[in-house]
Amino acid sequence: MSLEGKKVVILAEDLYDVLELWVPYYRMLEEGAEVIKVGSGSASVYNSKHGYQVEVDTQASKVSPDEIDGIIVPGGFGPDRLRRYPAVLDLVKAVFDQGKLVAAICHGGWVLVSAGVLKGRKATCVAAIKDDVSNAGANYIDEPVVVDGNLVTSRSPVDLPVWLPAIISVLEKQ
C-alpha cells in the first residue's frame, strides 16, 4: 500500500478505453490511493467505446489542483472530447505546473497537447497522434513508457504492465 494518503484523479469522457481507465483505477486503489473519477462536466455517466459506463465522482471545474497528487488520462476517443473543456485543460496544466504526476496513455496525449504541457518534454503515445505530440513541442520516443520528471506517458493497453509501475514510482517520490 505504497500510495496511502495520495489522491489521484482519473479523467473520463464518452468513448474512453475500458482497459486504460479501469486497470489504472483499480491498480491505484490496490496501492492505497484515493482515486477520484472526474468528468468534463458534460454528464455524470460516460460510456466507453464498447458501452461500459463509468459514473464520475465530480467534474473538472470542481477539483482543486492543490488537493490532489496527480492526474491519469486514459485513451480511447474520450480525450478528443476532454480537450474541448477549458476546466479539464486548466486542471491538467495546473497539476503539471505544480510538478505533480500527469500520466497519459494512447490518445490521452491529445489532452496534454491541448493543455500545453509537452513543449521540451519527452513523451510517447499511440502512433496515430505522434505528429500532434511532436508538433506540440515534445520529443516523441517510441517506447512502451516514457518518464520525464512528473510526466509519464505510454502507447497502448499492451503497455499497461510498465506504465502503471512508472506512475506508482513517480507518486511515491512526491
Protein backbone atom coordinates (compact mmCIF):
# COMPACT_ATOMS: atom_id res chain seq x y z
CA MET A 1 0.00 0.00 0.00
CA SER A 2 2.68 2.45 -1.08
CA LEU A 3 0.25 5.22 -2.09
CA GLU A 4 -1.69 5.65 1.15
CA GLY A 5 -2.60 9.30 1.63
CA LYS A 6 -2.31 10.08 -2.09
CA LYS A 7 -5.24 11.43 -4.13
CA VAL A 8 -5.27 10.65 -7.83
CA VAL A 9 -7.73 11.90 -10.44
CA ILE A 10 -8.64 9.73 -13.41
CA LEU A 11 -10.40 11.58 -16.22
CA ALA A 12 -13.45 10.24 -18.04
CA GLU A 13 -15.49 11.20 -21.07
CA ASP A 14 -17.60 9.34 -23.62
CA LEU A 15 -15.70 6.85 -25.78
CA TYR A 16 -12.98 6.20 -23.17
CA ASP A 17 -10.93 3.00 -23.43
CA VAL A 18 -12.13 0.46 -20.84
CA LEU A 19 -8.72 -1.02 -20.00
CA GLU A 20 -6.97 2.36 -19.88
CA LEU A 21 -9.45 3.71 -17.34
CA TRP A 22 -10.37 0.74 -15.15
CA VAL A 23 -6.98 -1.01 -14.88
CA PRO A 24 -5.24 2.15 -13.55
CA TYR A 25 -8.26 2.89 -11.35
CA TYR A 26 -8.09 -0.46 -9.59
CA ARG A 27 -4.28 -0.53 -9.53
CA MET A 28 -4.16 2.81 -7.72
CA LEU A 29 -6.77 1.55 -5.24
CA GLU A 30 -4.67 -1.58 -4.66
CA GLU A 31 -1.75 0.68 -3.69
CA GLY A 32 -3.93 2.55 -1.21
CA ALA A 33 -4.55 5.76 -3.16
CA GLU A 34 -7.85 7.57 -3.11
CA VAL A 35 -8.98 7.67 -6.75
CA ILE A 36 -11.43 10.32 -7.91
CA LYS A 37 -13.23 9.76 -11.20
CA VAL A 38 -13.56 13.18 -12.84
CA GLY A 39 -15.59 14.09 -15.91
CA SER A 40 -15.59 17.07 -18.20
CA GLY A 41 -18.86 18.30 -16.74
CA SER A 42 -20.99 17.32 -19.72
CA ALA A 43 -22.60 14.38 -17.84
CA SER A 44 -22.40 12.33 -14.66
CA VAL A 45 -22.12 9.00 -16.50
CA TYR A 46 -19.92 8.33 -19.53
CA ASN A 47 -19.88 5.37 -21.91
CA SER A 48 -16.75 3.61 -23.12
CA LYS A 49 -16.10 2.73 -26.75
CA HIS A 50 -17.91 -0.53 -26.01
CA GLY A 51 -20.76 0.88 -23.93
CA TYR A 52 -19.39 0.23 -20.43
CA GLN A 53 -20.40 3.02 -18.11
CA VAL A 54 -18.41 4.98 -15.56
CA GLU A 55 -20.15 7.23 -13.08
CA VAL A 56 -17.88 10.11 -12.15
CA ASP A 57 -17.48 11.49 -8.65
CA THR A 58 -17.25 15.11 -9.76
CA GLN A 59 -16.38 17.39 -12.67
CA ALA A 60 -13.08 19.03 -13.50
CA SER A 61 -14.24 22.54 -12.60
CA LYS A 62 -14.79 21.41 -9.00
CA VAL A 63 -11.34 19.86 -8.46
CA SER A 64 -8.57 21.92 -6.87
CA PRO A 65 -5.09 21.04 -8.15
CA ASP A 66 -3.80 21.81 -4.65
CA GLU A 67 -5.80 18.92 -3.20
CA ILE A 68 -4.61 16.13 -5.50
CA ASP A 69 -1.30 14.38 -6.16
CA GLY A 70 -1.74 13.54 -9.82
CA ILE A 71 -3.91 13.01 -12.89
CA ILE A 72 -4.28 9.98 -15.15
CA VAL A 73 -5.62 10.50 -18.67
CA PRO A 74 -6.92 7.27 -20.26
CA GLY A 75 -7.08 6.92 -24.01
CA GLY A 76 -9.77 5.86 -26.40
CA PHE A 77 -11.53 8.74 -28.13
CA GLY A 78 -12.60 10.34 -24.84
CA PRO A 79 -9.52 12.60 -24.87
CA ASP A 80 -10.76 14.26 -28.05
CA ARG A 81 -13.84 15.30 -26.07
CA LEU A 82 -11.98 16.10 -22.84
CA ARG A 83 -9.70 18.56 -24.63
CA ARG A 84 -12.71 20.71 -25.54
CA TYR A 85 -13.32 21.73 -21.92
CA PRO A 86 -11.22 24.58 -20.51
CA ALA A 87 -11.73 23.31 -16.94
CA VAL A 88 -10.09 19.98 -17.87
CA LEU A 89 -7.14 21.68 -19.57
CA ASP A 90 -6.71 24.18 -16.73
CA LEU A 91 -6.67 21.35 -14.18
CA VAL A 92 -4.10 19.30 -16.13
CA LYS A 93 -1.89 22.37 -16.67
CA ALA A 94 -2.06 23.43 -13.01
CA VAL A 95 -1.19 19.94 -11.75
CA PHE A 96 1.66 19.73 -14.26
CA ASP A 97 2.99 23.16 -13.33
CA GLN A 98 2.99 22.17 -9.65
CA GLY A 99 5.33 19.29 -10.53
CA LYS A 100 2.75 16.65 -9.71
CA LEU A 101 2.10 13.49 -11.72
CA VAL A 102 0.48 13.85 -15.12
CA ALA A 103 0.13 10.48 -16.83
CA ALA A 104 -1.43 9.76 -20.23
CA ILE A 105 -1.77 6.68 -22.39
CA CYS A 106 -2.68 6.18 -26.03
CA HIS A 107 -4.87 9.07 -27.29
CA GLY A 108 -4.65 10.66 -23.83
CA GLY A 109 -1.76 12.63 -25.30
CA TRP A 110 -4.34 14.84 -27.02
CA VAL A 111 -5.24 16.32 -23.63
CA LEU A 112 -1.56 17.03 -22.96
CA VAL A 113 -1.25 18.72 -26.36
CA SER A 114 -4.24 20.98 -25.70
CA ALA A 115 -3.15 21.70 -22.11
CA GLY A 116 0.20 22.95 -23.44
CA VAL A 117 2.42 20.79 -21.25
CA LEU A 118 4.57 18.98 -23.82
CA LYS A 119 6.97 21.62 -25.10
CA GLY A 120 10.54 20.48 -24.48
CA ARG A 121 9.48 17.24 -22.81
CA LYS A 122 9.99 13.59 -23.79
CA ALA A 123 6.77 11.66 -24.40
CA THR A 124 5.17 8.75 -26.17
CA CYS A 125 1.63 8.00 -27.34
CA VAL A 126 -0.28 5.88 -29.83
CA ALA A 127 1.32 6.24 -33.26
CA ALA A 128 -1.84 7.83 -34.68
CA ILE A 129 -1.23 11.05 -32.71
CA LYS A 130 2.58 11.15 -32.67
CA ASP A 131 2.59 14.07 -35.14
CA ASP A 132 0.28 16.04 -32.80
CA VAL A 133 2.56 15.32 -29.84
CA SER A 134 5.68 16.26 -31.81
CA ASN A 135 4.05 19.42 -33.20
CA ALA A 136 3.20 20.41 -29.59
CA GLY A 137 6.95 20.51 -28.94
CA ALA A 138 7.56 17.09 -27.40
CA ASN A 139 10.46 14.83 -28.25
CA TYR A 140 8.43 11.77 -29.33
CA ILE A 141 10.00 8.46 -28.33
CA ASP A 142 8.51 5.15 -29.49
CA GLU A 143 8.87 3.23 -26.22
CA PRO A 144 6.33 1.39 -24.03
CA VAL A 145 6.68 4.03 -21.30
CA VAL A 146 8.49 7.36 -21.18
CA VAL A 147 9.09 9.10 -17.86
CA ASP A 148 10.21 12.73 -17.98
CA GLY A 149 10.07 14.06 -14.44
CA ASN A 150 6.40 14.27 -13.45
CA LEU A 151 5.21 13.32 -16.97
CA VAL A 152 4.54 9.59 -17.56
CA THR A 153 3.29 8.55 -21.00
CA SER A 154 2.56 5.26 -22.71
CA ARG A 155 1.35 3.99 -26.08
CA SER A 156 -1.48 1.48 -25.67
CA PRO A 157 -3.11 -1.11 -23.36
CA VAL A 158 -0.32 -3.61 -24.04
CA ASP A 159 2.00 -1.19 -22.22
CA LEU A 160 -0.07 -1.11 -19.01
CA PRO A 161 2.35 -3.52 -17.23
CA VAL A 162 5.17 -0.93 -17.50
CA TRP A 163 3.11 2.28 -17.41
CA LEU A 164 1.43 1.57 -14.08
CA PRO A 165 4.65 0.81 -12.14
CA ALA A 166 6.12 4.03 -13.56
CA ILE A 167 3.09 6.01 -12.34
CA ILE A 168 3.37 4.43 -8.88
CA SER A 169 7.09 5.21 -8.73
CA VAL A 170 6.54 8.90 -9.55
CA LEU A 171 3.73 9.19 -6.99
CA GLU A 172 5.86 7.52 -4.30
CA LYS A 173 8.58 10.13 -4.81
CA GLN A 174 6.22 13.11 -4.45
